[in-house]
């Protein structure tokens, strides 16, 4: 999952500047939402001259298909928990 998010952010913000994954995400990532069949990657809006004009609606969202991998951990819907 982490690799898919990093790759999506790198594809959206191509750069020749050497930057590690942590710096890239710190600079551009606002949040990640985990949906049933997708990851919704919300990016920070570009720098603006007037910070008061910036709001959450301006944030760009990238939708990535995702499905949970099989796991041995019980799910929260497991009645035996």
N, C-alpha and C. Protein backbone atom coordinates (compact mmCIF):
# COMPACT_ATOMS: atom_id res chain seq x y z
N UNK A 1 0.83 -1.18 0.00
CA UNK A 1 0.00 0.00 0.00
C UNK A 1 0.88 1.26 0.00
N UNK A 2 1.92 1.25 0.82
CA UNK A 2 2.79 2.43 0.91
C UNK A 2 3.45 2.74 -0.43
N UNK A 3 3.91 1.69 -1.11
CA UNK A 3 4.56 1.89 -2.41
C UNK A 3 3.62 2.52 -3.42
N UNK A 4 2.36 2.10 -3.42
CA UNK A 4 1.38 2.65 -4.36
C UNK A 4 1.15 4.14 -4.10
N UNK A 5 1.08 4.52 -2.83
CA UNK A 5 0.87 5.93 -2.48
C UNK A 5 2.08 6.76 -2.88
N UNK A 6 3.27 6.29 -2.55
CA UNK A 6 4.49 7.03 -2.90
C UNK A 6 4.58 7.20 -4.42
N UNK A 7 4.32 6.12 -5.16
CA UNK A 7 4.41 6.19 -6.62
C UNK A 7 3.39 7.17 -7.19
N UNK A 8 2.17 7.18 -6.66
CA UNK A 8 1.14 8.10 -7.14
C UNK A 8 1.55 9.55 -6.90
N UNK A 9 2.11 9.83 -5.73
CA UNK A 9 2.55 11.20 -5.42
C UNK A 9 3.74 11.58 -6.30
N UNK A 10 4.68 10.67 -6.49
CA UNK A 10 5.83 10.94 -7.37
C UNK A 10 5.37 11.21 -8.81
N UNK A 11 4.38 10.45 -9.28
CA UNK A 11 3.87 10.65 -10.64
C UNK A 11 3.18 12.00 -10.77
N UNK A 12 2.53 12.45 -9.72
CA UNK A 12 1.82 13.72 -9.77
C UNK A 12 2.76 14.92 -9.65
N UNK A 13 3.86 14.74 -8.93
CA UNK A 13 4.84 15.81 -8.72
C UNK A 13 6.21 15.37 -9.22
N UNK A 14 6.36 15.19 -10.54
CA UNK A 14 7.67 14.77 -11.04
C UNK A 14 8.72 15.85 -10.78
N UNK A 15 9.91 15.42 -10.43
CA UNK A 15 10.98 16.36 -10.13
C UNK A 15 12.33 15.72 -10.42
N UNK A 16 13.28 16.55 -10.77
CA UNK A 16 14.66 16.08 -10.92
C UNK A 16 15.41 16.17 -9.61
N UNK A 17 14.80 16.85 -8.65
CA UNK A 17 15.40 17.02 -7.32
C UNK A 17 15.41 15.69 -6.57
N UNK A 18 16.56 15.28 -6.06
CA UNK A 18 16.57 14.04 -5.28
C UNK A 18 15.82 14.27 -3.95
N UNK A 19 14.80 13.49 -3.73
CA UNK A 19 14.00 13.63 -2.51
C UNK A 19 13.58 12.23 -2.06
N UNK A 20 13.75 11.95 -0.78
CA UNK A 20 13.36 10.62 -0.31
C UNK A 20 11.86 10.57 -0.08
N UNK A 21 11.35 9.37 0.10
CA UNK A 21 9.91 9.17 0.22
C UNK A 21 9.30 9.97 1.36
N UNK A 22 9.96 9.97 2.52
CA UNK A 22 9.43 10.68 3.69
C UNK A 22 9.30 12.18 3.43
N UNK A 23 10.32 12.77 2.80
CA UNK A 23 10.27 14.20 2.49
C UNK A 23 9.17 14.50 1.47
N UNK A 24 9.06 13.64 0.46
CA UNK A 24 8.04 13.82 -0.57
C UNK A 24 6.65 13.82 0.04
N UNK A 25 6.38 12.83 0.89
CA UNK A 25 5.06 12.73 1.50
C UNK A 25 4.81 13.87 2.48
N UNK A 26 5.84 14.27 3.23
CA UNK A 26 5.69 15.38 4.16
C UNK A 26 5.34 16.67 3.42
N UNK A 27 5.94 16.84 2.26
CA UNK A 27 5.74 18.06 1.47
C UNK A 27 4.37 18.10 0.79
N UNK A 28 3.87 16.93 0.32
CA UNK A 28 2.69 16.94 -0.55
C UNK A 28 1.46 16.21 -0.02
N UNK A 29 1.61 15.28 0.91
CA UNK A 29 0.50 14.45 1.35
C UNK A 29 -0.29 15.11 2.47
N UNK A 30 -1.60 15.16 2.30
CA UNK A 30 -2.47 15.67 3.35
C UNK A 30 -3.02 14.52 4.19
N UNK A 31 -3.62 13.52 3.50
CA UNK A 31 -4.12 12.35 4.22
C UNK A 31 -4.44 11.23 3.24
N UNK A 32 -4.67 10.05 3.78
CA UNK A 32 -5.05 8.88 2.99
C UNK A 32 -6.31 8.30 3.62
N UNK A 33 -7.31 8.06 2.79
CA UNK A 33 -8.53 7.41 3.25
C UNK A 33 -8.56 6.01 2.65
N UNK A 34 -8.90 5.05 3.47
CA UNK A 34 -8.99 3.67 3.03
C UNK A 34 -10.45 3.32 2.81
N UNK A 35 -10.80 3.09 1.55
CA UNK A 35 -12.17 2.70 1.21
C UNK A 35 -12.24 1.20 1.01
N UNK A 36 -13.41 0.72 0.71
CA UNK A 36 -13.61 -0.71 0.52
C UNK A 36 -12.78 -1.23 -0.66
N UNK A 37 -12.75 -0.47 -1.76
CA UNK A 37 -12.04 -0.92 -2.95
C UNK A 37 -11.05 0.11 -3.49
N UNK A 38 -10.73 1.12 -2.69
CA UNK A 38 -9.82 2.16 -3.18
C UNK A 38 -9.14 2.89 -2.03
N UNK A 39 -8.00 3.48 -2.38
CA UNK A 39 -7.32 4.41 -1.50
C UNK A 39 -7.57 5.80 -2.07
N UNK A 40 -7.92 6.74 -1.21
CA UNK A 40 -8.10 8.12 -1.65
C UNK A 40 -6.97 8.92 -1.04
N UNK A 41 -6.06 9.35 -1.90
CA UNK A 41 -4.87 10.08 -1.49
C UNK A 41 -5.16 11.57 -1.66
N UNK A 42 -5.23 12.30 -0.56
CA UNK A 42 -5.47 13.75 -0.60
C UNK A 42 -4.15 14.48 -0.50
N UNK A 43 -3.92 15.36 -1.46
CA UNK A 43 -2.68 16.11 -1.52
C UNK A 43 -2.89 17.52 -1.01
N UNK A 44 -1.84 18.10 -0.47
CA UNK A 44 -1.90 19.48 -0.02
C UNK A 44 -2.05 20.38 -1.25
N UNK A 45 -2.84 21.44 -1.13
CA UNK A 45 -2.97 22.36 -2.26
C UNK A 45 -1.65 23.08 -2.50
N UNK A 46 -1.42 23.54 -3.73
CA UNK A 46 -0.19 24.29 -4.01
C UNK A 46 -0.10 25.54 -3.15
N UNK A 47 1.12 25.99 -2.92
CA UNK A 47 1.32 27.23 -2.16
C UNK A 47 0.56 28.36 -2.85
N UNK A 48 -0.10 29.18 -2.05
CA UNK A 48 -0.86 30.31 -2.59
C UNK A 48 -0.38 31.59 -1.93
N UNK A 49 -0.59 32.70 -2.64
CA UNK A 49 -0.21 33.99 -2.09
C UNK A 49 -1.06 34.37 -0.88
N UNK A 50 -2.31 33.91 -0.90
CA UNK A 50 -3.24 34.26 0.19
C UNK A 50 -3.67 32.98 0.88
N UNK A 51 -3.10 32.71 2.04
CA UNK A 51 -3.38 31.47 2.76
C UNK A 51 -4.86 31.34 3.13
N UNK A 52 -5.56 32.45 3.33
CA UNK A 52 -6.97 32.38 3.72
C UNK A 52 -7.85 31.89 2.57
N UNK A 53 -7.34 31.88 1.34
CA UNK A 53 -8.11 31.40 0.21
C UNK A 53 -8.02 29.89 0.08
N UNK A 54 -7.14 29.29 0.84
CA UNK A 54 -6.90 27.84 0.76
C UNK A 54 -7.90 27.12 1.67
N UNK A 55 -8.53 26.06 1.14
CA UNK A 55 -9.43 25.27 1.96
C UNK A 55 -9.34 23.81 1.54
N UNK A 56 -10.01 22.92 2.29
CA UNK A 56 -9.93 21.49 2.00
C UNK A 56 -10.50 21.14 0.64
N UNK A 57 -11.46 21.92 0.13
CA UNK A 57 -12.04 21.64 -1.17
C UNK A 57 -11.01 21.79 -2.28
N UNK A 58 -9.97 22.57 -2.03
CA UNK A 58 -8.95 22.81 -3.05
C UNK A 58 -7.95 21.67 -3.12
N UNK A 59 -7.97 20.78 -2.14
CA UNK A 59 -7.00 19.68 -2.12
C UNK A 59 -7.30 18.71 -3.26
N UNK A 60 -6.26 18.27 -3.91
CA UNK A 60 -6.39 17.31 -4.99
C UNK A 60 -6.48 15.91 -4.41
N UNK A 61 -7.32 15.10 -5.01
CA UNK A 61 -7.48 13.72 -4.55
C UNK A 61 -7.13 12.77 -5.69
N UNK A 62 -6.34 11.77 -5.37
CA UNK A 62 -5.99 10.72 -6.32
C UNK A 62 -6.63 9.44 -5.81
N UNK A 63 -7.39 8.78 -6.66
CA UNK A 63 -8.04 7.53 -6.28
C UNK A 63 -7.25 6.37 -6.87
N UNK A 64 -6.87 5.45 -6.00
CA UNK A 64 -6.11 4.28 -6.41
C UNK A 64 -6.92 3.03 -6.11
N UNK A 65 -7.06 2.13 -7.09
CA UNK A 65 -7.75 0.88 -6.79
C UNK A 65 -6.97 0.10 -5.74
N UNK A 66 -7.69 -0.55 -4.86
CA UNK A 66 -7.05 -1.28 -3.77
C UNK A 66 -7.97 -2.39 -3.30
N UNK A 67 -7.40 -3.49 -2.95
CA UNK A 67 -8.17 -4.56 -2.31
C UNK A 67 -7.30 -5.15 -1.21
N UNK A 68 -7.92 -5.51 -0.11
CA UNK A 68 -7.13 -6.05 1.00
C UNK A 68 -6.49 -7.38 0.62
N UNK A 69 -5.25 -7.52 0.98
CA UNK A 69 -4.55 -8.80 0.74
C UNK A 69 -5.03 -9.80 1.77
N UNK A 70 -4.95 -11.05 1.44
CA UNK A 70 -5.37 -12.05 2.42
C UNK A 70 -4.47 -11.94 3.64
N UNK A 71 -5.05 -12.07 4.78
CA UNK A 71 -4.32 -11.87 6.02
C UNK A 71 -4.76 -12.89 7.05
N UNK A 72 -3.88 -13.22 7.96
CA UNK A 72 -4.23 -14.15 9.03
C UNK A 72 -4.82 -13.42 10.23
N UNK A 73 -4.80 -12.09 10.18
CA UNK A 73 -5.37 -11.34 11.29
C UNK A 73 -6.89 -11.33 11.17
N UNK A 74 -7.61 -11.45 12.29
CA UNK A 74 -9.08 -11.42 12.22
C UNK A 74 -9.55 -10.02 11.84
N UNK A 75 -10.65 -9.98 11.11
CA UNK A 75 -11.22 -8.69 10.73
C UNK A 75 -12.11 -8.19 11.86
N UNK A 76 -12.45 -6.91 11.81
CA UNK A 76 -13.30 -6.33 12.86
C UNK A 76 -14.72 -6.89 12.80
N UNK A 77 -15.10 -7.52 11.69
CA UNK A 77 -16.44 -8.09 11.59
C UNK A 77 -16.48 -9.53 12.09
N UNK A 78 -15.36 -10.05 12.58
CA UNK A 78 -15.28 -11.40 13.09
C UNK A 78 -16.10 -11.51 14.38
N UNK A 79 -17.13 -12.34 14.43
CA UNK A 79 -17.98 -12.45 15.64
C UNK A 79 -17.23 -13.05 16.83
N UNK A 80 -16.07 -13.65 16.62
CA UNK A 80 -15.32 -14.28 17.72
C UNK A 80 -14.41 -13.30 18.46
N UNK A 81 -14.44 -12.03 18.10
CA UNK A 81 -13.57 -11.05 18.77
C UNK A 81 -14.14 -10.61 20.07
